[in-house]
PDB file of all heavy atoms in Angstrom:
ATOM      1  N   THR A   1     -14.105 -38.561  95.995  1.00  0.00           N
ATOM      2  CA  THR A   1     -15.235 -39.187  96.682  1.00  0.00           C
ATOM      3  C   THR A   1     -16.515 -38.576  96.123  1.00  0.00           C
ATOM      4  O   THR A   1     -16.456 -37.724  95.227  1.00  0.00           O
ATOM      5  CB  THR A   1     -15.175 -38.923  98.198  1.00  0.00           C
ATOM      6  OG1 THR A   1     -15.402 -37.534  98.431  1.00  0.00           O
ATOM      7  CG2 THR A   1     -13.843 -39.351  98.793  1.00  0.00           C
ATOM      8  N   LEU A   2     -17.617 -38.971  96.692  1.00  0.00           N
ATOM      9  CA  LEU A   2     -18.883 -38.388  96.260  1.00  0.00           C
ATOM     10  C   LEU A   2     -18.865 -36.871  96.400  1.00  0.00           C
ATOM     11  O   LEU A   2     -19.369 -36.157  95.543  1.00  0.00           O
ATOM     12  CB  LEU A   2     -20.034 -38.966  97.093  1.00  0.00           C
ATOM     13  CG  LEU A   2     -21.406 -38.372  96.795  1.00  0.00           C
ATOM     14  CD1 LEU A   2     -21.874 -38.795  95.408  1.00  0.00           C
ATOM     15  CD2 LEU A   2     -22.407 -38.783  97.843  1.00  0.00           C
ATOM     16  N   LEU A   3     -18.241 -36.372  97.466  1.00  0.00           N
ATOM     17  CA  LEU A   3     -18.307 -34.947  97.776  1.00  0.00           C
ATOM     18  C   LEU A   3     -17.016 -34.179  97.517  1.00  0.00           C
ATOM     19  O   LEU A   3     -16.984 -32.966  97.744  1.00  0.00           O
ATOM     20  CB  LEU A   3     -18.704 -34.767  99.253  1.00  0.00           C
ATOM     21  CG  LEU A   3     -20.022 -35.410  99.692  1.00  0.00           C
ATOM     22  CD1 LEU A   3     -20.208 -35.251 101.191  1.00  0.00           C
ATOM     23  CD2 LEU A   3     -21.189 -34.851  98.921  1.00  0.00           C
ATOM     24  N   SER A   4     -15.950 -34.842  97.090  1.00  0.00           N
ATOM     25  CA  SER A   4     -14.683 -34.122  96.953  1.00  0.00           C
ATOM     26  C   SER A   4     -13.870 -34.632  95.766  1.00  0.00           C
ATOM     27  O   SER A   4     -14.023 -35.772  95.341  1.00  0.00           O
ATOM     28  CB  SER A   4     -13.856 -34.265  98.229  1.00  0.00           C
ATOM     29  OG  SER A   4     -13.446 -35.605  98.393  1.00  0.00           O
ATOM     30  N   PRO A   5     -12.982 -33.774  95.259  1.00  0.00           N
ATOM     31  CA  PRO A   5     -12.102 -34.188  94.175  1.00  0.00           C
ATOM     32  C   PRO A   5     -10.994 -35.098  94.705  1.00  0.00           C
ATOM     33  O   PRO A   5     -10.830 -35.246  95.915  1.00  0.00           O
ATOM     34  CB  PRO A   5     -11.524 -32.858  93.667  1.00  0.00           C
ATOM     35  CG  PRO A   5     -11.535 -31.982  94.868  1.00  0.00           C
ATOM     36  CD  PRO A   5     -12.759 -32.375  95.640  1.00  0.00           C
ATOM     37  N   PRO A   6     -10.213 -35.689  93.816  1.00  0.00           N
ATOM     38  CA  PRO A   6      -9.077 -36.505  94.260  1.00  0.00           C
ATOM     39  C   PRO A   6      -8.092 -35.676  95.092  1.00  0.00           C
ATOM     40  O   PRO A   6      -7.978 -34.457  94.918  1.00  0.00           O
ATOM     41  CB  PRO A   6      -8.428 -36.961  92.954  1.00  0.00           C
ATOM     42  CG  PRO A   6      -9.450 -36.750  91.903  1.00  0.00           C
ATOM     43  CD  PRO A   6     -10.340 -35.649  92.369  1.00  0.00           C
ATOM     44  N   LEU A   7      -7.381 -36.352  95.975  1.00  0.00           N
ATOM     45  CA  LEU A   7      -6.451 -35.675  96.872  1.00  0.00           C
ATOM     46  C   LEU A   7      -5.438 -34.791  96.139  1.00  0.00           C
ATOM     47  O   LEU A   7      -5.217 -33.655  96.564  1.00  0.00           O
ATOM     48  CB  LEU A   7      -5.738 -36.693  97.762  1.00  0.00           C
ATOM     49  CG  LEU A   7      -4.750 -36.100  98.769  1.00  0.00           C
ATOM     50  CD1 LEU A   7      -5.441 -35.143  99.733  1.00  0.00           C
ATOM     51  CD2 LEU A   7      -4.040 -37.216  99.534  1.00  0.00           C
ATOM     52  N   PRO A   8      -4.803 -35.243  95.043  1.00  0.00           N
ATOM     53  CA  PRO A   8      -3.842 -34.352  94.372  1.00  0.00           C
ATOM     54  C   PRO A   8      -4.458 -33.031  93.898  1.00  0.00           C
ATOM     55  O   PRO A   8      -3.843 -31.975  94.033  1.00  0.00           O
ATOM     56  CB  PRO A   8      -3.342 -35.181  93.189  1.00  0.00           C
ATOM     57  CG  PRO A   8      -3.552 -36.593  93.610  1.00  0.00           C
ATOM     58  CD  PRO A   8      -4.813 -36.583  94.441  1.00  0.00           C
ATOM     59  N   ILE A   9      -5.673 -33.085  93.391  1.00  0.00           N
ATOM     60  CA  ILE A   9      -6.334 -31.849  92.950  1.00  0.00           C
ATOM     61  C   ILE A   9      -6.674 -30.979  94.156  1.00  0.00           C
ATOM     62  O   ILE A   9      -6.503 -29.758  94.120  1.00  0.00           O
ATOM     63  CB  ILE A   9      -7.591 -32.165  92.116  1.00  0.00           C
ATOM     64  CG1 ILE A   9      -7.171 -32.812  90.789  1.00  0.00           C
ATOM     65  CG2 ILE A   9      -8.417 -30.912  91.864  1.00  0.00           C
ATOM     66  CD1 ILE A   9      -8.316 -33.264  89.923  1.00  0.00           C
ATOM     67  N   LEU A  10      -7.106 -31.607  95.232  1.00  0.00           N
ATOM     68  CA  LEU A  10      -7.413 -30.859  96.457  1.00  0.00           C
ATOM     69  C   LEU A  10      -6.161 -30.172  96.993  1.00  0.00           C
ATOM     70  O   LEU A  10      -6.202 -29.009  97.395  1.00  0.00           O
ATOM     71  CB  LEU A  10      -8.010 -31.803  97.501  1.00  0.00           C
ATOM     72  CG  LEU A  10      -8.582 -31.181  98.764  1.00  0.00           C
ATOM     73  CD1 LEU A  10      -9.660 -30.152  98.454  1.00  0.00           C
ATOM     74  CD2 LEU A  10      -9.121 -32.263  99.673  1.00  0.00           C
ATOM     75  N   LEU A  11      -5.032 -30.858  96.966  1.00  0.00           N
ATOM     76  CA  LEU A  11      -3.776 -30.255  97.426  1.00  0.00           C
ATOM     77  C   LEU A  11      -3.349 -29.101  96.519  1.00  0.00           C
ATOM     78  O   LEU A  11      -2.897 -28.060  97.004  1.00  0.00           O
ATOM     79  CB  LEU A  11      -2.676 -31.312  97.503  1.00  0.00           C
ATOM     80  CG  LEU A  11      -2.864 -32.378  98.586  1.00  0.00           C
ATOM     81  CD1 LEU A  11      -1.785 -33.450  98.472  1.00  0.00           C
ATOM     82  CD2 LEU A  11      -2.905 -31.768  99.970  1.00  0.00           C
ATOM     83  N   MET A  12      -3.490 -29.273  95.200  1.00  0.00           N
ATOM     84  CA  MET A  12      -3.153 -28.177  94.281  1.00  0.00           C
ATOM     85  C   MET A  12      -4.053 -26.971  94.514  1.00  0.00           C
ATOM     86  O   MET A  12      -3.603 -25.830  94.434  1.00  0.00           O
ATOM     87  CB  MET A  12      -3.259 -28.643  92.831  1.00  0.00           C
ATOM     88  CG  MET A  12      -2.133 -29.548  92.399  1.00  0.00           C
ATOM     89  SD  MET A  12      -2.129 -29.884  90.622  1.00  0.00           S
ATOM     90  CE  MET A  12      -3.586 -30.880  90.439  1.00  0.00           C
ATOM     91  N   PHE A  13      -5.302 -27.216  94.815  1.00  0.00           N
ATOM     92  CA  PHE A  13      -6.244 -26.145  95.134  1.00  0.00           C
ATOM     93  C   PHE A  13      -5.730 -25.360  96.335  1.00  0.00           C
ATOM     94  O   PHE A  13      -5.686 -24.124  96.315  1.00  0.00           O
ATOM     95  CB  PHE A  13      -7.613 -26.768  95.404  1.00  0.00           C
ATOM     96  CG  PHE A  13      -8.737 -25.814  95.691  1.00  0.00           C
ATOM     97  CD1 PHE A  13      -8.749 -24.510  95.232  1.00  0.00           C
ATOM     98  CD2 PHE A  13      -9.832 -26.254  96.415  1.00  0.00           C
ATOM     99  CE1 PHE A  13      -9.810 -23.657  95.496  1.00  0.00           C
ATOM    100  CE2 PHE A  13     -10.907 -25.410  96.689  1.00  0.00           C
ATOM    101  CZ  PHE A  13     -10.890 -24.114  96.224  1.00  0.00           C
ATOM    102  N   GLY A  14      -5.295 -26.047  97.375  1.00  0.00           N
ATOM    103  CA  GLY A  14      -4.753 -25.379  98.555  1.00  0.00           C
ATOM    104  C   GLY A  14      -3.499 -24.587  98.259  1.00  0.00           C
ATOM    105  O   GLY A  14      -3.333 -23.453  98.741  1.00  0.00           O
ATOM    106  N   VAL A  15      -2.607 -25.137  97.441  1.00  0.00           N
ATOM    107  CA  VAL A  15      -1.364 -24.440  97.088  1.00  0.00           C
ATOM    108  C   VAL A  15      -1.668 -23.160  96.309  1.00  0.00           C
ATOM    109  O   VAL A  15      -1.052 -22.122  96.550  1.00  0.00           O
ATOM    110  CB  VAL A  15      -0.433 -25.364  96.284  1.00  0.00           C
ATOM    111  CG1 VAL A  15       0.722 -24.600  95.652  1.00  0.00           C
ATOM    112  CG2 VAL A  15       0.099 -26.481  97.183  1.00  0.00           C
ATOM    113  N   THR A  16      -2.634 -23.216  95.414  1.00  0.00           N
ATOM    114  CA  THR A  16      -2.947 -22.011  94.630  1.00  0.00           C
ATOM    115  C   THR A  16      -3.509 -20.904  95.515  1.00  0.00           C
ATOM    116  O   THR A  16      -3.278 -19.722  95.253  1.00  0.00           O
ATOM    117  CB  THR A  16      -3.942 -22.295  93.491  1.00  0.00           C
ATOM    118  OG1 THR A  16      -5.157 -22.808  94.025  1.00  0.00           O
ATOM    119  CG2 THR A  16      -3.366 -23.253  92.481  1.00  0.00           C
ATOM    120  N   ILE A  17      -4.219 -21.276  96.558  1.00  0.00           N
ATOM    121  CA  ILE A  17      -4.732 -20.259  97.480  1.00  0.00           C
ATOM    122  C   ILE A  17      -3.576 -19.525  98.146  1.00  0.00           C
ATOM    123  O   ILE A  17      -3.599 -18.306  98.303  1.00  0.00           O
ATOM    124  CB  ILE A  17      -5.674 -20.893  98.518  1.00  0.00           C
ATOM    125  CG1 ILE A  17      -6.943 -21.386  97.818  1.00  0.00           C
ATOM    126  CG2 ILE A  17      -6.024 -19.907  99.625  1.00  0.00           C
ATOM    127  CD1 ILE A  17      -7.824 -22.252  98.688  1.00  0.00           C
ATOM    128  N   VAL A  18      -2.544 -20.276  98.502  1.00  0.00           N
ATOM    129  CA  VAL A  18      -1.352 -19.649  99.089  1.00  0.00           C
ATOM    130  C   VAL A  18      -0.683 -18.737  98.064  1.00  0.00           C
ATOM    131  O   VAL A  18      -0.284 -17.611  98.381  1.00  0.00           O
ATOM    132  CB  VAL A  18      -0.360 -20.731  99.589  1.00  0.00           C
ATOM    133  CG1 VAL A  18       0.951 -20.108 100.025  1.00  0.00           C
ATOM    134  CG2 VAL A  18      -0.983 -21.526 100.735  1.00  0.00           C
ATOM    135  N   LEU A  19      -0.555 -19.195  96.816  1.00  0.00           N
ATOM    136  CA  LEU A  19       0.081 -18.385  95.772  1.00  0.00           C
ATOM    137  C   LEU A  19      -0.680 -17.080  95.523  1.00  0.00           C
ATOM    138  O   LEU A  19      -0.076 -16.021  95.364  1.00  0.00           O
ATOM    139  CB  LEU A  19       0.174 -19.176  94.467  1.00  0.00           C
ATOM    140  CG  LEU A  19       1.151 -20.344  94.442  1.00  0.00           C
ATOM    141  CD1 LEU A  19       1.025 -21.112  93.128  1.00  0.00           C
ATOM    142  CD2 LEU A  19       2.570 -19.881  94.664  1.00  0.00           C
ATOM    143  N   ILE A  20      -2.000 -17.169  95.497  1.00  0.00           N
ATOM    144  CA  ILE A  20      -2.807 -15.972  95.251  1.00  0.00           C
ATOM    145  C   ILE A  20      -2.645 -14.961  96.382  1.00  0.00           C
ATOM    146  O   ILE A  20      -2.690 -13.756  96.170  1.00  0.00           O
ATOM    147  CB  ILE A  20      -4.291 -16.346  95.053  1.00  0.00           C
ATOM    148  CG1 ILE A  20      -4.462 -17.084  93.728  1.00  0.00           C
ATOM    149  CG2 ILE A  20      -5.190 -15.123  95.097  1.00  0.00           C
ATOM    150  CD1 ILE A  20      -5.834 -17.665  93.519  1.00  0.00           C
ATOM    151  N   GLY A  21      -2.405 -15.453  97.571  1.00  0.00           N
ATOM    152  CA  GLY A  21      -2.246 -14.567  98.720  1.00  0.00           C
ATOM    153  C   GLY A  21      -0.939 -13.799  98.739  1.00  0.00           C
ATOM    154  O   GLY A  21      -0.771 -12.872  99.525  1.00  0.00           O
ATOM    155  N   ARG A  22      -0.014 -14.149  97.881  1.00  0.00           N
ATOM    156  CA  ARG A  22       1.277 -13.462  97.821  1.00  0.00           C
ATOM    157  C   ARG A  22       1.309 -12.570  96.589  1.00  0.00           C
ATOM    158  O   ARG A  22       0.978 -12.996  95.489  1.00  0.00           O
ATOM    159  CB  ARG A  22       2.412 -14.478  97.755  1.00  0.00           C
ATOM    160  CG  ARG A  22       2.453 -15.346  98.973  1.00  0.00           C
ATOM    161  CD  ARG A  22       3.556 -16.343  98.891  1.00  0.00           C
ATOM    162  NE  ARG A  22       3.623 -17.085 100.147  1.00  0.00           N
ATOM    163  CZ  ARG A  22       4.478 -18.019 100.382  1.00  0.00           C
ATOM    164  NH1 ARG A  22       5.374 -18.361  99.466  1.00  0.00           N
ATOM    165  NH2 ARG A  22       4.482 -18.649 101.537  1.00  0.00           N
ATOM    166  N   ASP A  23       1.742 -11.341  96.771  1.00  0.00           N
ATOM    167  CA  ASP A  23       1.753 -10.384  95.652  1.00  0.00           C
ATOM    168  C   ASP A  23       2.563 -10.877  94.460  1.00  0.00           C
ATOM    169  O   ASP A  23       2.143 -10.714  93.322  1.00  0.00           O
ATOM    170  CB  ASP A  23       2.302  -9.029  96.123  1.00  0.00           C
ATOM    171  CG  ASP A  23       1.308  -8.283  96.989  1.00  0.00           C
ATOM    172  OD1 ASP A  23       0.103  -8.592  96.902  1.00  0.00           O
ATOM    173  OD2 ASP A  23       1.729  -7.416  97.763  1.00  0.00           O
ATOM    174  N   ARG A  24       3.720 -11.466  94.710  1.00  0.00           N
ATOM    175  CA  ARG A  24       4.615 -11.867  93.619  1.00  0.00           C
ATOM    176  C   ARG A  24       4.068 -13.024  92.793  1.00  0.00           C
ATOM    177  O   ARG A  24       4.428 -13.187  91.632  1.00  0.00           O
ATOM    178  CB  ARG A  24       5.982 -12.248  94.177  1.00  0.00           C
ATOM    179  CG  ARG A  24       6.646 -11.089  94.899  1.00  0.00           C
ATOM    180  CD  ARG A  24       7.955 -11.495  95.460  1.00  0.00           C
ATOM    181  NE  ARG A  24       8.958 -11.324  94.421  1.00  0.00           N
ATOM    182  CZ  ARG A  24      10.149 -11.866  94.446  1.00  0.00           C
ATOM    183  NH1 ARG A  24      10.508 -12.620  95.451  1.00  0.00           N
ATOM    184  NH2 ARG A  24      11.002 -11.652  93.477  1.00  0.00           N
ATOM    185  N   SER A  25       3.212 -13.851  93.376  1.00  0.00           N
ATOM    186  CA  SER A  25       2.712 -15.024  92.662  1.00  0.00           C
ATOM    187  C   SER A  25       1.195 -15.002  92.473  1.00  0.00           C
ATOM    188  O   SER A  25       0.605 -16.007  92.103  1.00  0.00           O
ATOM    189  CB  SER A  25       3.125 -16.292  93.414  1.00  0.00           C
ATOM    190  OG  SER A  25       2.644 -16.263  94.739  1.00  0.00           O
ATOM    191  N   ARG A  26       0.608 -13.845  92.678  1.00  0.00           N
ATOM    192  CA  ARG A  26      -0.857 -13.731  92.586  1.00  0.00           C
ATOM    193  C   ARG A  26      -1.398 -14.133  91.214  1.00  0.00           C
ATOM    194  O   ARG A  26      -2.349 -14.898  91.114  1.00  0.00           O
ATOM    195  CB  ARG A  26      -1.258 -12.299  92.930  1.00  0.00           C
ATOM    196  CG  ARG A  26      -2.736 -12.060  92.936  1.00  0.00           C
ATOM    197  CD  ARG A  26      -3.019 -10.611  93.357  1.00  0.00           C
ATOM    198  NE  ARG A  26      -4.376 -10.245  93.109  1.00  0.00           N
ATOM    199  CZ  ARG A  26      -5.334 -10.274  94.031  1.00  0.00           C
ATOM    200  NH1 ARG A  26      -5.037 -10.634  95.257  1.00  0.00           N
ATOM    201  NH2 ARG A  26      -6.563  -9.932  93.728  1.00  0.00           N
ATOM    202  N   GLY A  27      -0.798 -13.632  90.176  1.00  0.00           N
ATOM    203  CA  GLY A  27      -1.266 -13.940  88.824  1.00  0.00           C
ATOM    204  C   GLY A  27      -1.098 -15.410  88.476  1.00  0.00           C
ATOM    205  O   GLY A  27      -1.997 -16.030  87.906  1.00  0.00           O
ATOM    206  N   LEU A  28       0.038 -15.976  88.825  1.00  0.00           N
ATOM    207  CA  LEU A  28       0.285 -17.395  88.572  1.00  0.00           C
ATOM    208  C   LEU A  28      -0.718 -18.249  89.341  1.00  0.00           C
ATOM    209  O   LEU A  28      -1.302 -19.183  88.788  1.00  0.00           O
ATOM    210  CB  LEU A  28       1.714 -17.768  88.964  1.00  0.00           C
ATOM    211  CG  LEU A  28       2.072 -19.247  88.851  1.00  0.00           C
ATOM    212  CD1 LEU A  28       1.987 -19.715  87.410  1.00  0.00           C
ATOM    213  CD2 LEU A  28       3.463 -19.495  89.430  1.00  0.00           C
ATOM    214  N   GLY A  29      -0.918 -17.933  90.609  1.00  0.00           N
ATOM    215  CA  GLY A  29      -1.886 -18.673  91.415  1.00  0.00           C
ATOM    216  C   GLY A  29      -3.280 -18.604  90.832  1.00  0.00           C
ATOM    217  O   GLY A  29      -3.998 -19.610  90.777  1.00  0.00           O
ATOM    218  N   ALA A  30      -3.670 -17.420  90.380  1.00  0.00           N
ATOM    219  CA  ALA A  30      -5.009 -17.250  89.800  1.00  0.00           C
ATOM    220  C   ALA A  30      -5.141 -18.037  88.496  1.00  0.00           C
ATOM    221  O   ALA A  30      -6.190 -18.638  88.235  1.00  0.00           O
ATOM    222  CB  ALA A  30      -5.298 -15.769  89.562  1.00  0.00           C
ATOM    223  N   ALA A  31      -4.098 -18.056  87.692  1.00  0.00           N
ATOM    224  CA  ALA A  31      -4.146 -18.805  86.434  1.00  0.00           C
ATOM    225  C   ALA A  31      -4.267 -20.307  86.699  1.00  0.00           C
ATOM    226  O   ALA A  31      -5.061 -21.003  86.057  1.00  0.00           O
ATOM    227  CB  ALA A  31      -2.899 -18.507  85.607  1.00  0.00           C
ATOM    228  N   ILE A  32      -3.494 -20.808  87.649  1.00  0.00           N
ATOM    229  CA  ILE A  32      -3.569 -22.234  87.991  1.00  0.00           C
ATOM    230  C   ILE A  32      -4.924 -22.553  88.610  1.00  0.00           C
ATOM    231  O   ILE A  32      -5.536 -23.575  88.285  1.00  0.00           O
ATOM    232  CB  ILE A  32      -2.419 -22.627  88.934  1.00  0.00           C
ATOM    233  CG1 ILE A  32      -1.077 -22.464  88.228  1.00  0.00           C
ATOM    234  CG2 ILE A  32      -2.591 -24.060  89.425  1.00  0.00           C
ATOM    235  CD1 ILE A  32       0.125 -22.586  89.151  1.00  0.00           C
ATOM    236  N   LEU A  33      -5.406 -21.666  89.472  1.00  0.00           N
ATOM    237  CA  LEU A  33      -6.715 -21.885  90.091  1.00  0.00           C
ATOM    238  C   LEU A  33      -7.809 -21.933  89.037  1.00  0.00           C
ATOM    239  O   LEU A  33      -8.762 -22.714  89.162  1.00  0.00           O
ATOM    240  CB  LEU A  33      -7.016 -20.811  91.131  1.00  0.00           C
ATOM    241  CG  LEU A  33      -8.336 -20.987  91.900  1.00  0.00           C
ATOM    242  CD1 LEU A  33      -8.356 -22.308  92.657  1.00  0.00           C
ATOM    243  CD2 LEU A  33      -8.553 -19.825  92.848  1.00  0.00           C
ATOM    244  N   SER A  34      -7.688 -21.142  87.992  1.00  0.00           N
ATOM    245  CA  SER A  34      -8.682 -21.174  86.915  1.00  0.00           C
ATOM    246  C   SER A  34      -8.766 -22.567  86.301  1.00  0.00           C
ATOM    247  O   SER A  34      -9.861 -23.107  86.107  1.00  0.00           O
ATOM    248  CB  SER A  34      -8.333 -20.160  85.822  1.00  0.00           C
ATOM    249  OG  SER A  34      -8.375 -18.853  86.321  1.00  0.00           O
ATOM    250  N   ALA A  35      -7.620 -23.155  86.019  1.00  0.00           N
ATOM    251  CA  ALA A  35      -7.599 -24.501  85.437  1.00  0.00           C
ATOM    252  C   ALA A  35      -8.168 -25.530  86.410  1.00  0.00           C
ATOM    253  O   ALA A  35      -8.951 -26.408  86.023  1.00  0.00           O
ATOM    254  CB  ALA A  35      -6.175 -24.866  85.036  1.00  0.00           C
TER     255      ALA A  35
END
């Protein structure tokens, strides 16, 4: 929309936040969040 990305990208953004919050997947989450 004017103010937000497409839903799939928004959902991936949310998933990466969860990954970053976990020690075992922190690096992977941060790498995906970078992209």
